[in-house]
Protein backbone atom coordinates (compact mmCIF):
# COMPACT_ATOMS: atom_id res chain seq x y z
CA UNK A 1 222.32 79.55 164.37
CA UNK A 2 223.13 83.24 164.87
CA UNK A 3 225.80 85.11 162.90
CA UNK A 4 226.73 88.73 162.32
CA UNK A 5 225.25 90.24 159.15
CA UNK A 6 228.60 90.70 157.41
CA UNK A 7 230.07 87.43 156.24
CA UNK A 8 232.81 86.51 153.81
CA UNK A 9 232.39 85.16 150.27
CA UNK A 10 235.34 82.93 149.42
CA UNK A 11 235.05 82.51 145.63
CA UNK A 12 237.51 85.30 144.76
CA UNK A 13 240.25 83.68 146.83
CA UNK A 14 240.81 81.21 143.97
CA UNK A 15 242.25 81.95 140.56
CA UNK A 16 240.47 84.29 138.17
CA UNK A 17 236.85 83.38 137.56
CA UNK A 18 236.84 80.74 140.27
CA UNK A 19 239.42 78.65 138.40
CA UNK A 20 242.60 77.21 139.88
CA UNK A 21 244.86 78.25 142.72
CA UNK A 22 245.33 81.88 143.84
CA UNK A 23 248.59 83.63 142.95
CA UNK A 24 249.58 83.64 146.63
CA UNK A 25 247.91 80.89 148.71
CA UNK A 26 249.64 82.09 151.87
CA UNK A 27 248.17 85.56 151.48
CA UNK A 28 244.75 84.02 150.87
CA UNK A 29 244.96 82.13 154.15
CA UNK A 30 246.08 85.31 155.91
CA UNK A 31 243.01 87.12 154.54
CA UNK A 32 240.72 84.44 155.96
CA UNK A 33 242.38 84.65 159.38
CA UNK A 34 242.13 88.44 159.31
CA UNK A 35 238.41 88.22 158.48
CA UNK A 36 237.96 85.96 161.49
CA UNK A 37 239.87 88.43 163.68
CA UNK A 38 237.56 91.22 162.48
CA UNK A 39 234.50 89.31 163.70
CA UNK A 40 233.31 87.49 160.57
CA UNK A 41 231.34 84.40 161.58
CA UNK A 42 229.87 83.21 158.27
CA UNK A 43 232.23 81.94 155.57
CA UNK A 44 230.54 81.06 152.28
CA UNK A 45 232.22 78.81 149.73
CA UNK A 46 231.41 76.04 147.22
CA UNK A 47 233.00 72.87 145.92
CA UNK A 48 233.10 74.47 142.45
CA UNK A 49 235.28 77.39 143.59
CA UNK A 50 238.59 76.29 142.17
CA UNK A 51 237.17 73.63 142.03
CA UNK A 52 237.94 72.43 145.57
CA UNK A 53 240.51 75.20 146.15
CA UNK A 54 238.38 77.57 148.23
CA UNK A 55 237.19 74.87 150.61
CA UNK A 56 240.76 73.65 151.09
CA UNK A 57 242.01 77.17 151.82
CA UNK A 58 239.27 77.66 154.41
CA UNK A 59 240.18 74.47 156.21
CA UNK A 60 243.91 75.19 156.07
CA UNK A 61 243.39 78.70 157.48
CA UNK A 62 240.65 78.26 160.06
CA UNK A 63 240.44 74.64 161.20
CA UNK A 64 239.76 73.87 164.00
CA UNK A 65 236.89 76.31 163.60
CA UNK A 66 235.79 78.48 166.54
CA UNK A 67 232.44 77.48 167.99
CA UNK A 68 230.64 80.58 166.69
CA UNK A 69 231.86 80.20 163.08
CA UNK A 70 229.40 78.92 160.46
CA UNK A 71 230.79 77.27 157.33
CA UNK A 72 228.45 77.42 154.34
CA UNK A 73 229.21 75.60 151.13
CA UNK A 74 227.35 74.58 147.98
CA UNK A 75 226.97 71.65 145.63
CA UNK A 76 225.18 71.14 142.36
CA UNK A 77 227.47 72.93 139.91
CA UNK A 78 230.51 71.78 137.95
CA UNK A 79 233.33 74.21 137.15
CA UNK A 80 234.64 73.82 133.58
CA UNK A 81 236.86 76.90 133.42
CA UNK A 82 237.03 80.58 134.44
CA UNK A 83 233.48 81.89 134.89
CA UNK A 84 232.16 78.61 133.44
CA UNK A 85 229.65 76.66 135.51
CA UNK A 86 226.98 74.21 134.57
CA UNK A 87 224.36 72.76 136.88
CA UNK A 88 224.36 69.14 137.99
CA UNK A 89 221.53 68.49 140.39
CA UNK A 90 221.50 64.70 140.19
CA UNK A 91 221.07 63.19 143.66
CA UNK A 92 224.13 60.97 143.21
CA UNK A 93 226.25 63.98 142.28
CA UNK A 94 225.02 66.01 145.25
CA UNK A 95 225.74 63.17 147.64
CA UNK A 96 229.25 62.73 146.24
CA UNK A 97 230.05 66.45 146.38
CA UNK A 98 228.75 66.73 149.93
CA UNK A 99 230.96 63.84 151.04
CA UNK A 100 233.97 65.45 149.33
CA UNK A 101 233.23 68.84 150.93
CA UNK A 102 233.05 67.21 154.36
CA UNK A 103 236.53 65.79 153.84
CA UNK A 104 238.09 69.00 152.48
CA UNK A 105 236.53 71.18 155.17
CA UNK A 106 237.45 68.62 157.88
CA UNK A 107 233.92 68.55 159.21
CA UNK A 108 231.59 65.84 160.47
CA UNK A 109 228.61 68.02 159.57
CA UNK A 110 228.30 71.05 157.29
CA UNK A 111 226.45 73.94 158.96
CA UNK A 112 224.76 75.21 155.78
CA UNK A 113 224.71 73.25 152.53
CA UNK A 114 223.20 75.06 149.56
CA UNK A 115 221.95 73.84 146.20
CA UNK A 116 224.14 75.97 143.93
CA UNK A 117 221.87 76.00 140.88
CA UNK A 118 218.62 74.42 139.81
CA UNK A 119 219.40 71.84 137.13
CA UNK A 120 216.95 72.25 134.22
CA UNK A 121 217.08 68.52 133.40
CA UNK A 122 216.67 67.23 136.97
CA UNK A 123 213.41 67.77 138.89
CA UNK A 124 213.99 70.22 141.73
CA UNK A 125 212.23 67.82 144.06
CA UNK A 126 214.88 65.17 143.35
CA UNK A 127 217.77 67.54 144.05
CA UNK A 128 216.24 68.92 147.24
CA UNK A 129 215.21 65.42 148.28
CA UNK A 130 218.87 64.40 148.21
CA UNK A 131 219.74 67.30 150.51
CA UNK A 132 216.89 66.33 152.82
CA UNK A 133 218.34 62.82 153.04
CA UNK A 134 221.81 64.18 153.83
CA UNK A 135 220.26 66.35 156.54
CA UNK A 136 218.42 63.36 158.03
CA UNK A 137 221.72 61.47 158.07
CA UNK A 138 223.36 64.29 160.04
CA UNK A 139 225.83 65.24 157.31
CA UNK A 140 224.39 68.73 156.93
CA UNK A 141 222.66 70.85 159.55
CA UNK A 142 220.70 73.32 157.43
CA UNK A 143 219.66 73.51 153.75
CA UNK A 144 219.84 76.61 151.58
CA UNK A 145 219.15 77.44 147.93
CA UNK A 146 220.95 79.59 145.38
CA UNK A 147 219.76 81.19 142.14
CA UNK A 148 216.08 80.45 142.71
CA UNK A 149 212.64 81.99 142.31
CA UNK A 150 209.88 82.27 144.91
CA UNK A 151 208.08 79.37 143.29
CA UNK A 152 211.16 77.18 143.55
CA UNK A 153 211.68 78.13 147.20
CA UNK A 154 208.10 77.18 147.96
CA UNK A 155 208.50 73.83 146.19
CA UNK A 156 211.68 73.07 148.13
CA UNK A 157 210.09 73.98 151.47
CA UNK A 158 207.51 71.24 150.96
CA UNK A 159 210.39 68.76 151.23
CA UNK A 160 212.80 70.25 153.78
CA UNK A 161 213.12 73.48 155.81
CA UNK A 162 215.00 76.17 153.87
CA UNK A 163 216.99 78.63 156.00
CA UNK A 164 218.70 80.76 153.33
CA UNK A 165 218.53 81.97 149.75
CA UNK A 166 221.56 83.21 147.82
CA UNK A 167 220.80 85.16 144.62
CA UNK A 168 222.64 87.87 142.71
CA UNK A 169 221.68 91.30 144.04
CA UNK A 170 223.44 94.63 144.38
CA UNK A 171 222.93 98.31 143.59
CA UNK A 172 223.67 97.69 139.92
CA UNK A 173 221.82 94.38 139.49
CA UNK A 174 218.43 94.30 141.18
CA UNK A 175 216.37 92.47 138.55
CA UNK A 176 213.30 90.75 139.97
CA UNK A 177 214.75 90.16 143.42
CA UNK A 178 212.34 92.46 145.26
CA UNK A 179 209.76 89.67 145.23
CA UNK A 180 212.28 87.12 146.53
CA UNK A 181 213.53 89.41 149.29
CA UNK A 182 209.98 90.21 150.36
CA UNK A 183 209.20 86.50 150.53
CA UNK A 184 212.33 85.76 152.57
CA UNK A 185 211.57 88.61 154.94
CA UNK A 186 208.01 87.41 155.42
CA UNK A 187 209.08 83.81 156.02
CA UNK A 188 212.16 84.49 158.15
CA UNK A 189 214.67 83.15 155.59
CA UNK A 190 218.16 84.68 155.39
CA UNK A 191 218.95 86.33 152.04
CA UNK A 192 222.62 86.29 150.98
CA UNK A 193 223.17 88.54 147.93
CA UNK A 194 226.07 87.27 145.88
CA UNK A 195 228.31 89.73 144.06
CA UNK A 196 227.28 92.48 146.52
CA UNK A 197 229.94 94.76 145.00
CA UNK A 198 229.31 93.72 141.36
CA UNK A 199 232.75 92.14 140.85
CA UNK A 200 234.35 95.18 142.48
CA UNK A 201 232.82 97.81 140.20
CA UNK A 202 230.83 99.28 143.10
CA UNK A 203 234.06 99.74 145.06
CA UNK A 204 235.21 102.46 142.66
CA UNK A 205 234.33 106.14 143.01
CA UNK A 206 231.84 107.13 140.33
CA UNK A 207 228.48 108.85 139.87
CA UNK A 208 225.88 109.06 142.59
CA UNK A 209 227.52 106.30 144.64
CA UNK A 210 230.78 108.22 144.79
CA UNK A 211 228.97 111.41 145.76
CA UNK A 212 227.12 109.69 148.61
CA UNK A 213 230.35 108.10 149.81
CA UNK A 214 232.16 111.46 149.83
CA UNK A 215 229.31 113.10 151.72
CA UNK A 216 229.52 110.49 154.47
CA UNK A 217 233.29 110.16 154.59
CA UNK A 218 233.01 106.54 153.47
CA UNK A 219 234.19 104.43 150.57
CA UNK A 220 231.82 103.47 147.72
CA UNK A 221 232.12 99.85 148.81
CA UNK A 222 230.96 100.72 152.33
CA UNK A 223 227.96 102.59 150.97
CA UNK A 224 227.02 99.75 148.61
CA UNK A 225 227.17 97.22 151.46
CA UNK A 226 225.30 99.56 153.84
CA UNK A 227 222.54 99.90 151.24
CA UNK A 228 222.16 96.12 151.14
CA UNK A 229 222.06 95.84 154.93
CA UNK A 230 219.42 98.57 155.08
CA UNK A 231 217.42 96.92 152.31
CA UNK A 232 216.01 94.22 154.61
CA UNK A 233 216.74 92.81 158.08
CA UNK A 234 217.16 89.33 156.56
CA UNK A 235 220.05 90.39 154.29
CA UNK A 236 223.50 89.02 155.17
CA UNK A 237 226.23 90.42 152.92
CA UNK A 238 229.12 88.18 151.85
CA UNK A 239 231.69 90.39 150.10
CA UNK A 240 234.92 88.75 149.00
CA UNK A 241 238.45 89.93 148.34
CA UNK A 242 240.99 89.46 145.56
């Protein structure tokens, strides 16, 4: 599947911290339609955004989806409150959340289904094995991973093809991601950096980022996203909006 390298991350469309409904659901749906009009093809969400709210907004705004639109969602995390997630990688949970996402998104098959987090008390092989079964059943087309190391990607790829990795990465939070990006680039795996604008802090004029933006007649947010796109050809940015 081919998409443009600027997608849309739909977590921030919910209430604060991924919890509850947005203040103005109608405006949220308008934002999604506007993103589509601007050429966005990849919309990234998760069952835990809201929970359920983000997926429902996507379906309400964009269904029936244009043929070139890719809907990506995630399972394997439970939302307990604003900014509060805990992993649940049990195969039964993943199967149930996938079925629920199919209904909310009004899909027969999810284009990209991602394991949201690796559950420390469930073997990764069991979680990924459940996604492999869902893929074999035709309920998901492609499998992705989120918040993983190179070693975990390699383990998962022994079970099912992995087409994407989604880890936190931006100008202000690089951590140990160079190794993961290099691996994805070498293996032809898409890399979707979440929080590409660091919760909006990189959209404000300050320091070196502000100076570069002024020199190029751009906004700090544009420079931060351009830096990610230049970082590797496998990077697909998924900024969101409030």
